[in-house]
Protein backbone atom coordinates (compact mmCIF):
# COMPACT_ATOMS: atom_id res chain seq x y z
CA MET A 1 32.21 -26.01 -7.45
CA GLN A 2 29.05 -26.10 -9.56
CA MET A 3 27.34 -28.44 -7.08
CA GLN A 4 28.21 -26.06 -4.21
CA ARG A 5 26.84 -23.12 -6.19
CA ASN A 6 23.64 -25.01 -6.93
CA SER A 7 23.24 -25.89 -3.25
CA ASP A 8 23.82 -22.28 -2.19
CA TYR A 9 21.21 -20.94 -4.61
CA SER A 10 18.67 -23.60 -3.59
CA TRP A 11 18.87 -23.14 0.19
CA ARG A 12 18.73 -19.36 -0.09
CA MET A 13 15.57 -19.52 -2.18
CA SER A 14 14.13 -22.15 0.18
CA VAL A 15 14.71 -19.93 3.21
CA PHE A 16 13.03 -16.96 1.55
CA PHE A 17 10.03 -19.04 0.46
CA GLY A 18 9.75 -20.02 4.12
CA GLY A 19 9.88 -16.35 5.08
CA ILE A 20 7.09 -15.46 2.65
CA PHE A 21 4.75 -18.14 3.95
CA ILE A 22 5.21 -17.53 7.67
CA PRO A 23 2.76 -14.58 7.63
CA MET A 24 0.61 -16.33 5.00
CA GLY A 25 0.12 -19.18 7.46
CA ILE A 26 -1.60 -16.65 9.69
CA TYR A 27 -3.26 -14.44 7.08
CA ILE A 28 -5.09 -17.05 5.01
CA PRO A 29 -6.76 -19.07 7.79
CA TYR A 30 -7.07 -16.48 10.55
CA PHE A 31 -7.21 -12.89 9.24
CA SER A 32 -10.93 -13.19 8.54
CA LEU A 33 -11.43 -14.32 12.15
CA TRP A 34 -9.70 -11.15 13.35
CA LEU A 35 -11.95 -9.05 11.13
CA LYS A 36 -15.02 -10.87 12.44
CA ASP A 37 -13.80 -10.32 16.01
CA LEU A 38 -13.80 -6.59 15.27
CA GLY A 39 -17.52 -6.89 14.52
CA LEU A 40 -17.41 -6.67 10.72
CA SER A 41 -20.18 -8.27 8.68
CA PRO A 42 -19.46 -11.02 6.09
CA GLN A 43 -19.93 -8.43 3.35
CA ALA A 44 -17.42 -6.05 4.98
CA ILE A 45 -14.97 -8.92 5.50
CA GLY A 46 -15.29 -9.87 1.84
CA LEU A 47 -14.62 -6.23 0.89
CA VAL A 48 -11.45 -6.02 2.99
CA LEU A 49 -10.15 -9.35 1.66
CA THR A 50 -10.85 -8.23 -1.90
CA ILE A 51 -8.69 -5.10 -1.69
CA PRO A 52 -5.28 -6.80 -2.00
CA LEU A 53 -6.65 -8.97 -4.80
CA ILE A 54 -7.79 -5.94 -6.80
CA THR A 55 -4.44 -4.27 -6.14
CA ARG A 56 -2.68 -7.29 -7.60
CA VAL A 57 -4.77 -7.05 -10.76
CA ILE A 58 -3.70 -3.45 -11.32
CA PHE A 59 -0.14 -3.33 -10.03
CA THR A 60 1.41 -6.82 -10.23
CA PRO A 61 2.21 -6.59 -13.97
CA ILE A 62 3.81 -3.19 -13.29
CA MET A 63 5.79 -4.36 -10.28
CA GLY A 64 6.77 -7.63 -11.97
CA GLY A 65 7.78 -5.75 -15.10
CA LEU A 66 9.83 -3.38 -12.96
CA ALA A 67 11.83 -6.36 -11.68
CA ASP A 68 12.56 -7.29 -15.30
CA LYS A 69 13.40 -3.67 -16.09
CA LEU A 70 15.89 -3.38 -13.22
CA GLY A 71 17.36 -6.79 -13.98
CA ASP A 72 17.97 -7.54 -10.29
CA ARG A 73 15.15 -9.54 -8.72
CA ARG A 74 17.01 -9.91 -5.42
CA LEU A 75 17.19 -6.13 -4.90
CA THR A 76 13.57 -5.75 -6.00
CA LEU A 77 12.38 -8.36 -3.48
CA ARG A 78 14.29 -6.68 -0.67
CA ILE A 79 12.63 -3.35 -1.42
CA TYR A 80 9.14 -4.83 -1.77
CA SER A 81 9.43 -6.94 1.41
CA LEU A 82 10.71 -4.06 3.54
CA PHE A 83 8.05 -1.60 2.42
CA TYR A 84 5.30 -4.20 2.77
CA PHE A 85 6.30 -4.78 6.40
CA LEU A 86 6.40 -1.04 7.17
CA THR A 87 3.09 -0.18 5.50
CA PHE A 88 1.13 -3.16 6.84
CA ALA A 89 2.34 -2.44 10.39
CA ALA A 90 0.29 0.75 10.26
CA ILE A 91 -2.84 -1.40 10.69
CA LEU A 92 -2.01 -1.46 14.42
CA LEU A 93 -2.89 2.23 14.70
CA SER A 94 -6.68 1.88 14.35
CA ASN A 95 -9.44 -0.73 14.13
CA SER A 96 -11.77 1.37 11.99
CA LEU A 97 -12.95 -0.16 8.71
CA VAL A 98 -11.82 2.86 6.66
CA TRP A 99 -8.31 2.77 8.15
CA ILE A 100 -7.98 -0.99 7.62
CA MET A 101 -9.00 -0.55 3.98
CA MET A 102 -6.47 2.27 3.48
CA VAL A 103 -3.68 0.17 4.98
CA MET A 104 -4.63 -2.82 2.84
CA ILE A 105 -4.54 -0.69 -0.32
CA LEU A 106 -1.13 0.82 0.41
CA SER A 107 0.58 -2.31 1.71
CA SER A 108 -0.76 -4.44 -1.16
CA LEU A 109 1.12 -2.28 -3.66
CA PHE A 110 4.37 -3.75 -2.35
CA GLN A 111 3.06 -7.21 -1.48
CA ALA A 112 1.53 -7.85 -4.89
CA ALA A 113 4.68 -8.93 -6.71
CA ILE A 114 6.66 -10.63 -3.92
CA VAL A 115 5.47 -14.17 -4.75
CA PRO A 116 5.59 -13.90 -8.57
CA VAL A 117 9.06 -12.29 -8.57
CA SER A 118 10.24 -14.96 -6.10
CA ASP A 119 8.89 -17.65 -8.42
CA SER A 120 10.68 -15.96 -11.31
CA LEU A 121 13.98 -15.97 -9.41
CA ALA A 122 13.49 -19.61 -8.39
CA MET A 123 12.69 -20.67 -11.95
CA ALA A 124 15.89 -18.93 -13.09
CA GLY A 125 17.70 -21.42 -10.87
CA VAL A 126 15.75 -24.24 -12.49
CA ARG A 127 16.77 -23.07 -15.98
CA ARG A 128 20.40 -22.21 -15.25
CA LEU A 129 21.36 -24.75 -12.60
CA ASN A 130 18.83 -27.57 -13.11
CA LEU A 131 17.44 -27.05 -9.60
CA ASP A 132 14.25 -28.66 -8.30
CA TYR A 133 11.55 -25.99 -7.98
CA GLY A 134 9.30 -28.26 -5.93
CA ARG A 135 11.97 -28.85 -3.29
CA MET A 136 12.62 -25.11 -2.96
CA ARG A 137 8.94 -24.24 -2.82
CA LEU A 138 8.04 -26.94 -0.30
CA TRP A 139 9.84 -25.00 2.45
CA GLY A 140 7.27 -22.27 1.99
CA SER A 141 4.58 -24.86 2.56
CA ALA A 142 6.42 -26.20 5.61
CA ALA A 143 6.64 -22.69 7.06
CA PHE A 144 2.91 -22.26 6.37
CA ILE A 145 2.13 -25.36 8.42
CA LEU A 146 4.34 -24.35 11.34
CA SER A 147 2.94 -20.84 11.38
CA ASN A 148 -0.58 -22.20 11.03
CA LEU A 149 -0.32 -24.63 13.93
CA VAL A 150 1.51 -22.24 16.25
CA GLY A 151 -0.95 -19.51 15.30
CA GLY A 152 -3.96 -21.68 16.08
CA THR A 153 -2.54 -22.53 19.50
CA ILE A 154 -1.79 -18.88 20.27
CA ILE A 155 -5.29 -17.81 19.20
CA ALA A 156 -6.90 -20.50 21.35
CA THR A 157 -4.85 -19.22 24.31
CA TRP A 158 -4.85 -15.46 23.75
CA SER A 159 -7.97 -14.90 21.58
CA GLU A 160 -8.34 -13.44 18.08
CA SER A 161 -6.70 -10.16 19.10
CA SER A 162 -3.28 -11.85 18.77
CA ILE A 163 -3.74 -12.48 15.04
CA ILE A 164 -2.72 -9.04 13.85
CA TRP A 165 0.45 -9.01 15.98
CA MET A 166 1.50 -12.35 14.53
CA LEU A 167 0.96 -11.00 11.00
CA VAL A 168 3.12 -7.93 11.57
CA SER A 169 5.86 -10.06 13.16
CA GLY A 170 5.73 -12.49 10.23
CA ASN A 171 6.11 -9.69 7.69
CA CYS A 172 9.17 -8.48 9.61
CA ILE A 173 10.71 -11.95 9.32
CA THR A 174 10.07 -11.95 5.57
CA ALA A 175 11.84 -8.61 5.16
CA LEU A 176 14.85 -9.80 7.17
CA LEU A 177 15.17 -13.07 5.25
CA SER A 178 15.13 -11.22 1.91
CA PHE A 179 18.77 -10.33 2.65
CA LEU A 180 19.66 -14.02 2.28
CA LEU A 181 18.37 -14.29 -1.29
CA PRO A 182 20.80 -15.58 -3.94
CA MET A 183 22.29 -13.25 -6.51
CA ASP A 184 20.11 -12.87 -9.59
CA PRO A 185 21.74 -14.74 -12.51
CA ARG A 186 20.92 -11.75 -14.70
CA VAL A 187 23.25 -9.62 -12.55
CA GLU A 188 26.02 -12.19 -13.02
CA ASP A 189 25.39 -11.97 -16.77
CA GLY A 190 25.59 -8.17 -16.64
CA LYS A 191 21.96 -7.81 -17.77
CA THR A 192 21.06 -4.89 -15.54
CA LEU A 193 19.02 -1.77 -16.19
CA ALA A 194 22.04 0.13 -17.40
CA LYS A 195 22.78 -2.43 -20.09
CA THR A 196 20.13 -4.59 -21.72
CA ALA A 197 16.89 -4.75 -19.75
CA SER A 198 14.06 -2.81 -21.35
CA PHE A 199 10.40 -2.88 -22.18
CA GLU A 200 10.17 -3.31 -25.94
CA TRP A 201 6.99 -3.90 -27.90
CA LYS A 202 8.70 -6.55 -30.02
CA ASP A 203 9.03 -8.60 -26.83
CA LEU A 204 5.78 -7.71 -25.10
CA LYS A 205 3.62 -8.27 -28.20
CA GLN A 206 4.60 -11.94 -28.06
CA PHE A 207 2.33 -12.28 -25.03
CA VAL A 208 -0.61 -11.48 -27.30
CA GLN A 209 -1.49 -15.01 -28.42
CA THR A 210 -4.62 -17.02 -27.84
CA GLY A 211 -3.06 -20.24 -26.54
CA PHE A 212 -0.99 -18.47 -23.89
CA TRP A 213 -4.02 -16.66 -22.47
CA ILE A 214 -6.21 -19.77 -22.55
CA ILE A 215 -3.74 -21.49 -20.23
CA LEU A 216 -3.39 -18.43 -18.01
CA LEU A 217 -7.18 -18.16 -17.78
CA ALA A 218 -7.49 -21.85 -16.89
CA THR A 219 -4.87 -21.59 -14.15
CA ALA A 220 -6.38 -18.35 -12.85
CA LEU A 221 -9.77 -20.02 -12.48
CA LEU A 222 -8.19 -22.93 -10.62
CA GLN A 223 -6.53 -20.57 -8.16
CA ALA A 224 -9.72 -18.48 -7.84
CA SER A 225 -11.67 -21.60 -6.88
CA HIS A 226 -9.87 -21.40 -3.52
CA SER A 227 -11.17 -17.89 -2.78
CA LEU A 228 -14.15 -19.03 -0.70
CA LEU A 229 -12.00 -21.39 1.35
CA TYR A 230 -9.32 -18.76 1.97
CA GLY A 231 -11.83 -16.09 2.89
CA PHE A 232 -14.48 -18.04 4.79
CA GLY A 233 -13.20 -21.58 5.31
CA SER A 234 -12.27 -21.01 8.95
CA ILE A 235 -15.54 -19.19 9.63
CA PHE A 236 -17.50 -22.03 7.98
CA TRP A 237 -15.74 -24.69 10.05
CA LYS A 238 -16.20 -22.69 13.24
CA GLU A 239 -19.93 -22.30 12.52
CA ILE A 240 -20.40 -26.07 12.19
CA GLY A 241 -18.71 -26.65 15.54
CA ILE A 242 -15.05 -27.22 14.71
CA GLY A 243 -12.66 -25.58 17.19
CA GLU A 244 -9.69 -23.30 16.42
CA THR A 245 -7.10 -26.01 17.11
CA GLN A 246 -8.83 -28.48 14.77
CA ILE A 247 -9.18 -25.71 12.16
CA GLY A 248 -5.44 -25.21 12.37
CA PHE A 249 -4.89 -28.93 11.78
CA LEU A 250 -7.30 -28.87 8.82
CA TRP A 251 -5.19 -26.18 7.18
CA ALA A 252 -2.02 -28.04 8.12
CA VAL A 253 -3.15 -31.33 6.55
CA SER A 254 -3.74 -29.62 3.20
CA VAL A 255 -0.25 -28.17 3.17
CA ILE A 256 1.40 -31.39 4.38
CA PHE A 257 0.14 -33.17 1.27
CA GLU A 258 1.14 -30.15 -0.80
CA ILE A 259 4.68 -30.65 0.55
CA VAL A 260 4.60 -34.37 -0.28
CA PHE A 261 3.58 -33.53 -3.83
CA PHE A 262 6.32 -30.92 -4.24
CA THR A 263 8.91 -33.31 -2.75
CA PHE A 264 8.39 -35.97 -5.42
CA SER A 265 7.44 -33.63 -8.29
CA LYS A 266 10.79 -33.78 -10.10
CA ARG A 267 10.90 -37.59 -9.97
CA LEU A 268 7.45 -37.68 -11.54
CA SER A 269 8.12 -34.85 -14.02
CA ILE A 270 8.67 -37.22 -16.95
CA TRP A 271 5.06 -38.39 -16.66
CA LEU A 272 3.56 -35.30 -15.01
CA THR A 273 3.89 -32.82 -17.87
CA TRP A 274 2.32 -29.41 -17.32
CA PRO A 275 -0.91 -30.25 -19.23
CA ARG A 276 -1.39 -33.33 -17.08
CA LEU A 277 -0.64 -31.41 -13.89
CA LEU A 278 -3.26 -28.81 -14.77
CA THR A 279 -5.78 -31.54 -15.58
CA ILE A 280 -5.14 -33.21 -12.22
CA GLY A 281 -5.63 -29.84 -10.54
CA ALA A 282 -8.97 -29.22 -12.24
CA ILE A 283 -10.37 -32.68 -11.52
CA GLY A 284 -9.16 -32.52 -7.92
CA GLY A 285 -10.91 -29.18 -7.48
CA ILE A 286 -14.17 -30.48 -8.93
CA ILE A 287 -14.19 -33.35 -6.43
CA ARG A 288 -13.04 -31.23 -3.48
CA TRP A 289 -15.51 -28.36 -3.81
CA GLY A 290 -18.33 -30.64 -4.93
CA LEU A 291 -18.17 -32.54 -1.62
CA PHE A 292 -17.38 -29.58 0.63
CA PRO A 293 -20.99 -28.40 1.20
CA LEU A 294 -22.14 -31.83 2.41
CA ASP A 295 -22.81 -32.37 6.11
CA LEU A 296 -19.51 -34.12 6.84
CA PRO A 297 -17.86 -35.06 10.11
CA VAL A 298 -14.52 -33.40 10.81
CA GLU A 299 -12.76 -36.53 9.49
CA GLY A 300 -14.43 -35.95 6.12
CA TYR A 301 -12.99 -32.45 5.86
CA PHE A 302 -9.54 -33.80 6.69
CA LEU A 303 -9.88 -36.11 3.66
CA LEU A 304 -11.03 -33.24 1.44
CA GLN A 305 -8.09 -31.14 2.55
CA ILE A 306 -5.76 -33.82 1.19
CA LEU A 307 -7.04 -32.88 -2.27
CA HIS A 308 -5.21 -29.56 -1.88
CA ALA A 309 -2.27 -31.48 -3.33
CA ALA A 310 -4.27 -31.63 -6.57
CA SER A 311 -6.38 -28.46 -6.66
CA PHE A 312 -3.48 -26.19 -5.66
CA ALA A 313 -0.09 -27.94 -5.74
CA ALA A 314 -0.53 -29.75 -9.06
CA SER A 315 -2.05 -26.72 -10.78
CA HIS A 316 0.62 -24.36 -9.38
CA LEU A 317 3.47 -26.65 -10.43
CA GLY A 318 1.90 -27.12 -13.85
CA THR A 319 1.72 -23.36 -14.26
CA MET A 320 5.39 -22.93 -13.31
CA PHE A 321 6.41 -25.64 -15.80
CA PHE A 322 4.30 -24.01 -18.50
CA LEU A 323 5.88 -20.57 -18.00
CA SER A 324 9.37 -22.08 -17.80
CA GLU A 325 8.85 -23.86 -21.13
CA PHE A 326 7.28 -21.01 -23.06
CA VAL A 327 8.75 -17.79 -21.55
CA GLU A 328 12.44 -16.83 -21.62
CA ASP A 329 14.08 -15.71 -18.38
CA HIS A 330 14.38 -12.00 -19.28
CA LEU A 331 10.57 -11.77 -19.54
CA SER A 332 9.70 -14.19 -16.73
CA GLY A 333 8.92 -11.46 -14.19
CA THR A 334 6.47 -9.91 -16.63
CA ALA A 335 4.88 -13.28 -17.32
CA GLN A 336 4.52 -14.03 -13.61
CA GLY A 337 3.00 -10.59 -13.17
CA LEU A 338 0.43 -11.22 -15.90
CA LEU A 339 -0.48 -14.54 -14.32
CA THR A 340 -0.88 -12.95 -10.89
CA MET A 341 -2.92 -10.13 -12.43
CA LEU A 342 -5.37 -12.53 -14.01
CA SER A 343 -5.50 -14.78 -10.93
CA GLY A 344 -6.01 -11.71 -8.77
CA LEU A 345 -8.87 -10.53 -10.97
CA PHE A 346 -10.79 -13.76 -10.50
CA MET A 347 -9.75 -14.13 -6.86
CA ALA A 348 -11.01 -10.60 -6.22
CA ALA A 349 -14.32 -11.28 -7.95
CA GLY A 350 -14.62 -14.63 -6.17
CA THR A 351 -13.85 -13.18 -2.75
CA MET A 352 -16.18 -10.23 -3.20
CA ILE A 353 -19.02 -12.48 -4.35
CA ALA A 354 -18.14 -15.03 -1.67
CA GLY A 355 -19.04 -12.59 1.10
CA SER A 356 -22.61 -12.29 -0.11
CA LEU A 357 -22.91 -15.93 -1.16
CA PHE A 358 -21.61 -17.19 2.17
CA ALA A 359 -23.99 -14.90 4.07
CA GLN A 360 -26.93 -16.43 2.17
CA TRP A 361 -25.86 -19.96 1.22
CA HIS A 362 -23.09 -20.79 3.70
CA GLY A 363 -21.46 -24.09 2.63
CA ASP A 364 -23.51 -24.39 -0.57
CA ALA A 365 -21.46 -21.50 -1.99
CA PHE A 366 -18.66 -24.02 -2.62
CA TYR A 367 -20.64 -25.35 -5.59
CA LEU A 368 -19.67 -22.15 -7.42
CA MET A 369 -16.01 -23.00 -6.78
CA MET A 370 -16.64 -26.42 -8.32
CA ALA A 371 -18.05 -24.72 -11.42
CA LEU A 372 -14.86 -22.67 -11.82
CA CYS A 373 -12.80 -25.87 -11.87
CA LEU A 374 -15.12 -27.40 -14.46
CA ILE A 375 -14.68 -24.37 -16.74
CA SER A 376 -10.92 -24.58 -16.22
CA LEU A 377 -10.90 -28.24 -17.25
CA ILE A 378 -12.74 -27.35 -20.47
CA LEU A 379 -10.18 -24.62 -21.24
CA ILE A 380 -7.28 -27.03 -20.65
CA MET A 381 -8.84 -29.44 -23.15
CA LEU A 382 -9.31 -26.60 -25.66
CA ALA A 383 -5.66 -25.56 -25.31
CA LYS A 384 -4.63 -28.84 -26.92
CA LEU A 385 -6.04 -27.50 -30.20
CA VAL A 386 -3.97 -24.29 -30.16
CA SER A 387 -0.27 -23.75 -30.82
CA ILE A 388 1.80 -21.59 -28.48
CA LYS A 389 4.95 -19.79 -29.62
CA LYS A 390 7.83 -19.36 -27.21
CA ILE A 391 7.93 -15.86 -25.76
CA GLY A 392 11.25 -14.06 -25.88
CA GLY A 393 12.96 -16.76 -27.94
CA GLN A 394 12.46 -19.22 -30.77
CA SER A 395 9.01 -20.42 -31.72
CA SER A 396 7.72 -23.58 -30.10
CA GLU A 397 4.56 -25.57 -30.61
CA PHE A 398 2.36 -27.01 -27.89
CA ILE A 399 2.49 -30.80 -28.13
CA GLU A 400 0.72 -33.07 -25.66
CA GLU A 401 2.83 -36.10 -24.94
């Protein structure tokens, strides 16, 4: 019975992760191409791409905290997914820059917390049922690849004007799949809004500790180092003569190795502790972005995309393991929101700066991304000198094994 319950929880989370990343497989590599097709300058594109990142900085802690307050992350995700689909669909009404910015602001309010609350619900399964987070999350990566490859083929056939229709359709799929999410364990425990969930300073003040924020800052910088690639990677590749279909395969290769990493993550978890995972992520990013500006053949960029398994997958998994170890479940949504807020802050700054840097420096702008990974590595080393108390439970010290 327990095994069946575990399996049910796992496949439901896996399906929803897939639903989240279907539109992401279009948005990340191709949305900037749609904006460029409208005639927007690199600076204007950077501004549009920055809007959802700034929104996350402001509203993700609120929306993530609301999920903790309500005590039902499944219901929260259904509401956020549905309203994100409805508000983003309004982008079809006009191609003006002002309208696009207004739609991005409104829709991002609901989109901001979908991933962190989903991660919180998935990690609840890891804590309660000993599930494998990597194997649940890899289906999101698989959906990203499928969406990415199909999207690239459609764009090559029907032009960039098809991008926005694929995005709206993908968001609709996400909203529909939210109705397959597993029941929140906190609902089974009776920890709903009417009973025990609340925002209390005695809990929230535990987040105010140096070691916790050093790690969050390090992970935020690692994620922000991808901002130039996400915003202008496809444009950069297209400028150096790589076609849309090959660009789609470049994105796909990175996620394929991300999937491989997630698949074997639990087997390697005894050796790959969260500090080591973060270190691997930082070093991988330094190598990846340091080589990116070089005049490489397309085969070289395929090799660099393999390092996505380090710069993103290892750092993301290390972050999830860190939060699982040091934050109790009833505050996990808040913790995920704080992480997304900080990541969004640096992603927003990186994307906004990236527009101007890319316009002037083109590929050389990736050296700045390398610098972010170097700073992150230094912070990870510094964290070894600081103790971290468990948030929402008994005290715990940070010990590197």
